Amino acid sequence: MANYALRVPDSLMEYAKKVALDEHVSMNQFFVTAIAEKVSALKTSAYFAQRRSRGDLTAFDAWLEASPDAEPVAGDTWQPPGAAR
């Protein structure tokens, strides 16, 4: 485990204290969780950018063309949230 001295503007620190208190977590846990969430978001963005770069729209269009022209199977249609099924 590593230590890092962090300088936080007073206004942000006060807000962070309030959120940590409301969430019933320590300031340490709040900051570690916030850092983990940001790292996860950046890694996810990089993952999807890498996947997008491998995409082949021509191959996708060919795949769609090869798909059968059939009605969806019962229960396989999109329903907006809260709609009766």
N, C-alpha and C. Protein backbone atom coordinates (compact mmCIF):
# COMPACT_ATOMS: atom_id res chain seq x y z
N MET A 1 0.86 -1.17 0.00
CA MET A 1 0.00 0.00 0.00
C MET A 1 0.90 1.23 0.00
N ALA A 2 0.51 2.22 -0.76
CA ALA A 2 1.31 3.44 -0.87
C ALA A 2 0.58 4.61 -0.23
N ASN A 3 1.35 5.61 0.18
CA ASN A 3 0.79 6.84 0.71
C ASN A 3 1.07 7.96 -0.27
N TYR A 4 0.15 8.92 -0.35
CA TYR A 4 0.33 10.06 -1.23
C TYR A 4 -0.31 11.27 -0.56
N ALA A 5 0.47 12.31 -0.36
CA ALA A 5 -0.06 13.54 0.22
C ALA A 5 -0.82 14.28 -0.88
N LEU A 6 -2.05 14.58 -0.62
CA LEU A 6 -2.93 15.17 -1.62
C LEU A 6 -3.36 16.56 -1.18
N ARG A 7 -3.13 17.55 -2.03
CA ARG A 7 -3.60 18.90 -1.75
C ARG A 7 -4.93 19.09 -2.46
N VAL A 8 -5.95 19.40 -1.67
CA VAL A 8 -7.31 19.52 -2.20
C VAL A 8 -7.81 20.93 -1.88
N PRO A 9 -8.38 21.62 -2.87
CA PRO A 9 -8.95 22.95 -2.58
C PRO A 9 -9.99 22.84 -1.46
N ASP A 10 -10.04 23.88 -0.63
CA ASP A 10 -10.94 23.86 0.54
C ASP A 10 -12.38 23.57 0.16
N SER A 11 -12.87 24.20 -0.90
CA SER A 11 -14.28 24.01 -1.27
C SER A 11 -14.55 22.56 -1.68
N LEU A 12 -13.63 21.96 -2.40
CA LEU A 12 -13.80 20.57 -2.81
C LEU A 12 -13.69 19.65 -1.61
N MET A 13 -12.79 19.95 -0.69
CA MET A 13 -12.62 19.13 0.50
C MET A 13 -13.88 19.13 1.36
N GLU A 14 -14.48 20.31 1.50
CA GLU A 14 -15.71 20.39 2.30
C GLU A 14 -16.82 19.55 1.66
N TYR A 15 -16.93 19.63 0.35
CA TYR A 15 -17.95 18.83 -0.34
C TYR A 15 -17.64 17.34 -0.19
N ALA A 16 -16.37 16.96 -0.34
CA ALA A 16 -15.98 15.56 -0.19
C ALA A 16 -16.29 15.05 1.21
N LYS A 17 -16.04 15.87 2.23
CA LYS A 17 -16.35 15.48 3.60
C LYS A 17 -17.84 15.22 3.77
N LYS A 18 -18.67 16.11 3.18
CA LYS A 18 -20.12 15.96 3.28
C LYS A 18 -20.58 14.67 2.60
N VAL A 19 -20.04 14.40 1.41
CA VAL A 19 -20.44 13.19 0.68
C VAL A 19 -19.99 11.94 1.45
N ALA A 20 -18.78 11.94 1.96
CA ALA A 20 -18.28 10.79 2.72
C ALA A 20 -19.15 10.55 3.96
N LEU A 21 -19.51 11.63 4.63
CA LEU A 21 -20.36 11.51 5.81
C LEU A 21 -21.73 10.95 5.42
N ASP A 22 -22.31 11.48 4.34
CA ASP A 22 -23.62 11.00 3.87
C ASP A 22 -23.57 9.53 3.46
N GLU A 23 -22.43 9.10 2.92
CA GLU A 23 -22.27 7.72 2.46
C GLU A 23 -21.77 6.79 3.57
N HIS A 24 -21.49 7.35 4.75
CA HIS A 24 -21.01 6.57 5.90
C HIS A 24 -19.69 5.86 5.59
N VAL A 25 -18.77 6.58 4.95
CA VAL A 25 -17.44 6.04 4.66
C VAL A 25 -16.39 7.03 5.14
N SER A 26 -15.19 6.52 5.33
CA SER A 26 -14.09 7.41 5.73
C SER A 26 -13.66 8.25 4.53
N MET A 27 -12.93 9.32 4.82
CA MET A 27 -12.40 10.15 3.73
C MET A 27 -11.44 9.32 2.88
N ASN A 28 -10.64 8.47 3.53
CA ASN A 28 -9.72 7.62 2.78
C ASN A 28 -10.49 6.73 1.80
N GLN A 29 -11.54 6.08 2.30
CA GLN A 29 -12.32 5.20 1.44
C GLN A 29 -12.98 6.00 0.32
N PHE A 30 -13.46 7.19 0.62
CA PHE A 30 -14.09 8.03 -0.40
C PHE A 30 -13.09 8.36 -1.51
N PHE A 31 -11.89 8.79 -1.13
CA PHE A 31 -10.89 9.16 -2.14
C PHE A 31 -10.42 7.95 -2.94
N VAL A 32 -10.20 6.82 -2.26
CA VAL A 32 -9.76 5.62 -2.97
C VAL A 32 -10.83 5.17 -3.96
N THR A 33 -12.09 5.21 -3.54
CA THR A 33 -13.18 4.82 -4.43
C THR A 33 -13.29 5.78 -5.61
N ALA A 34 -13.14 7.07 -5.37
CA ALA A 34 -13.20 8.05 -6.45
C ALA A 34 -12.08 7.82 -7.47
N ILE A 35 -10.88 7.54 -6.97
CA ILE A 35 -9.75 7.27 -7.86
C ILE A 35 -10.01 5.99 -8.66
N ALA A 36 -10.51 4.95 -7.99
CA ALA A 36 -10.79 3.68 -8.66
C ALA A 36 -11.85 3.86 -9.75
N GLU A 37 -12.88 4.65 -9.48
CA GLU A 37 -13.91 4.91 -10.48
C GLU A 37 -13.34 5.63 -11.70
N LYS A 38 -12.47 6.60 -11.48
CA LYS A 38 -11.87 7.33 -12.60
C LYS A 38 -10.96 6.43 -13.42
N VAL A 39 -10.14 5.63 -12.74
CA VAL A 39 -9.26 4.70 -13.45
C VAL A 39 -10.09 3.72 -14.27
N SER A 40 -11.16 3.21 -13.70
CA SER A 40 -12.04 2.28 -14.40
C SER A 40 -12.66 2.93 -15.63
N ALA A 41 -13.12 4.17 -15.50
CA ALA A 41 -13.71 4.88 -16.64
C ALA A 41 -12.69 5.07 -17.76
N LEU A 42 -11.47 5.43 -17.40
CA LEU A 42 -10.43 5.62 -18.41
C LEU A 42 -10.07 4.30 -19.10
N LYS A 43 -9.96 3.23 -18.32
CA LYS A 43 -9.64 1.93 -18.90
C LYS A 43 -10.76 1.45 -19.81
N THR A 44 -12.01 1.68 -19.41
CA THR A 44 -13.15 1.28 -20.23
C THR A 44 -13.16 2.05 -21.53
N SER A 45 -12.89 3.34 -21.46
CA SER A 45 -12.85 4.16 -22.67
C SER A 45 -11.75 3.67 -23.62
N ALA A 46 -10.60 3.36 -23.08
CA ALA A 46 -9.49 2.86 -23.90
C ALA A 46 -9.85 1.50 -24.51
N TYR A 47 -10.52 0.65 -23.74
CA TYR A 47 -10.92 -0.66 -24.25
C TYR A 47 -11.86 -0.52 -25.44
N PHE A 48 -12.88 0.34 -25.31
CA PHE A 48 -13.83 0.49 -26.40
C PHE A 48 -13.20 1.19 -27.61
N ALA A 49 -12.27 2.09 -27.39
CA ALA A 49 -11.56 2.72 -28.51
C ALA A 49 -10.75 1.67 -29.27
N GLN A 50 -10.10 0.77 -28.53
CA GLN A 50 -9.33 -0.30 -29.16
C GLN A 50 -10.25 -1.24 -29.92
N ARG A 51 -11.38 -1.59 -29.34
CA ARG A 51 -12.35 -2.46 -30.03
C ARG A 51 -12.89 -1.78 -31.28
N ARG A 52 -13.19 -0.49 -31.18
CA ARG A 52 -13.71 0.26 -32.32
C ARG A 52 -12.70 0.26 -33.46
N SER A 53 -11.42 0.36 -33.14
CA SER A 53 -10.39 0.40 -34.18
C SER A 53 -10.30 -0.91 -34.94
N ARG A 54 -10.74 -2.00 -34.33
CA ARG A 54 -10.72 -3.31 -35.00
C ARG A 54 -11.97 -3.56 -35.83
N GLY A 55 -12.96 -2.67 -35.69
CA GLY A 55 -14.23 -2.88 -36.37
C GLY A 55 -14.10 -2.76 -37.89
N ASP A 56 -14.95 -3.50 -38.58
CA ASP A 56 -14.97 -3.48 -40.04
C ASP A 56 -16.42 -3.27 -40.47
N LEU A 57 -16.76 -2.04 -40.86
CA LEU A 57 -18.15 -1.73 -41.21
C LEU A 57 -18.61 -2.50 -42.44
N THR A 58 -17.72 -2.74 -43.37
CA THR A 58 -18.10 -3.51 -44.56
C THR A 58 -18.48 -4.93 -44.17
N ALA A 59 -17.69 -5.55 -43.32
CA ALA A 59 -17.99 -6.90 -42.85
C ALA A 59 -19.29 -6.91 -42.05
N PHE A 60 -19.54 -5.88 -41.25
CA PHE A 60 -20.77 -5.79 -40.47
C PHE A 60 -21.97 -5.69 -41.40
N ASP A 61 -21.87 -4.85 -42.43
CA ASP A 61 -22.96 -4.72 -43.40
C ASP A 61 -23.23 -6.05 -44.09
N ALA A 62 -22.17 -6.77 -44.44
CA ALA A 62 -22.32 -8.09 -45.06
C ALA A 62 -23.01 -9.06 -44.12
N TRP A 63 -22.65 -9.01 -42.85
CA TRP A 63 -23.27 -9.87 -41.84
C TRP A 63 -24.76 -9.56 -41.73
N LEU A 64 -25.10 -8.27 -41.73
CA LEU A 64 -26.51 -7.90 -41.65
C LEU A 64 -27.28 -8.38 -42.88
N GLU A 65 -26.68 -8.23 -44.04
CA GLU A 65 -27.31 -8.68 -45.28
C GLU A 65 -27.55 -10.18 -45.27
N ALA A 66 -26.66 -10.93 -44.66
CA ALA A 66 -26.78 -12.39 -44.62
C ALA A 66 -27.79 -12.86 -43.58
N SER A 67 -28.20 -11.96 -42.70
CA SER A 67 -29.16 -12.34 -41.66
C SER A 67 -30.53 -12.58 -42.27
N PRO A 68 -31.25 -13.58 -41.78
CA PRO A 68 -32.57 -13.85 -42.36
C PRO A 68 -33.54 -12.71 -42.10
N ASP A 69 -34.43 -12.51 -43.04
CA ASP A 69 -35.46 -11.48 -42.92
C ASP A 69 -36.67 -12.12 -42.25
N ALA A 70 -36.65 -12.17 -40.93
CA ALA A 70 -37.71 -12.85 -40.18
C ALA A 70 -38.17 -11.97 -39.04
N GLU A 71 -39.39 -12.20 -38.62
CA GLU A 71 -39.93 -11.49 -37.46
C GLU A 71 -39.20 -11.96 -36.20
N PRO A 72 -39.06 -11.08 -35.21
CA PRO A 72 -38.41 -11.49 -33.96
C PRO A 72 -39.20 -12.60 -33.27
N VAL A 73 -38.50 -13.43 -32.55
CA VAL A 73 -39.12 -14.47 -31.75
C VAL A 73 -39.91 -13.79 -30.64
N ALA A 74 -41.05 -14.37 -30.26
CA ALA A 74 -41.88 -13.80 -29.20
C ALA A 74 -41.03 -13.53 -27.96
N GLY A 75 -41.17 -12.34 -27.40
CA GLY A 75 -40.42 -11.95 -26.21
C GLY A 75 -39.04 -11.39 -26.53
N ASP A 76 -38.69 -11.32 -27.81
CA ASP A 76 -37.36 -10.85 -28.20
C ASP A 76 -37.38 -9.43 -28.77
N THR A 77 -38.48 -8.74 -28.58
CA THR A 77 -38.57 -7.36 -29.07
C THR A 77 -38.27 -6.40 -27.93
N TRP A 78 -37.79 -5.23 -28.29
CA TRP A 78 -37.44 -4.24 -27.28
C TRP A 78 -38.70 -3.63 -26.68
N GLN A 79 -38.70 -3.48 -25.39
CA GLN A 79 -39.80 -2.84 -24.67
C GLN A 79 -39.23 -1.67 -23.89
N PRO A 80 -39.85 -0.50 -23.96
CA PRO A 80 -39.36 0.60 -23.13
C PRO A 80 -39.51 0.26 -21.65
N PRO A 81 -38.63 0.81 -20.81
CA PRO A 81 -38.75 0.52 -19.37
C PRO A 81 -40.14 0.85 -18.85
N GLY A 82 -40.69 -0.05 -18.06
CA GLY A 82 -41.99 0.17 -17.46
C GLY A 82 -43.16 -0.24 -18.34
N ALA A 83 -42.90 -0.68 -19.58
CA ALA A 83 -43.98 -1.08 -20.47
C ALA A 83 -44.51 -2.45 -20.05
N ALA A 84 -45.80 -2.65 -20.28
CA ALA A 84 -46.41 -3.95 -19.97
C ALA A 84 -45.86 -5.00 -20.93
N ARG A 85 -45.64 -6.18 -20.40
CA ARG A 85 -45.09 -7.26 -21.25
C ARG A 85 -46.14 -8.30 -21.52
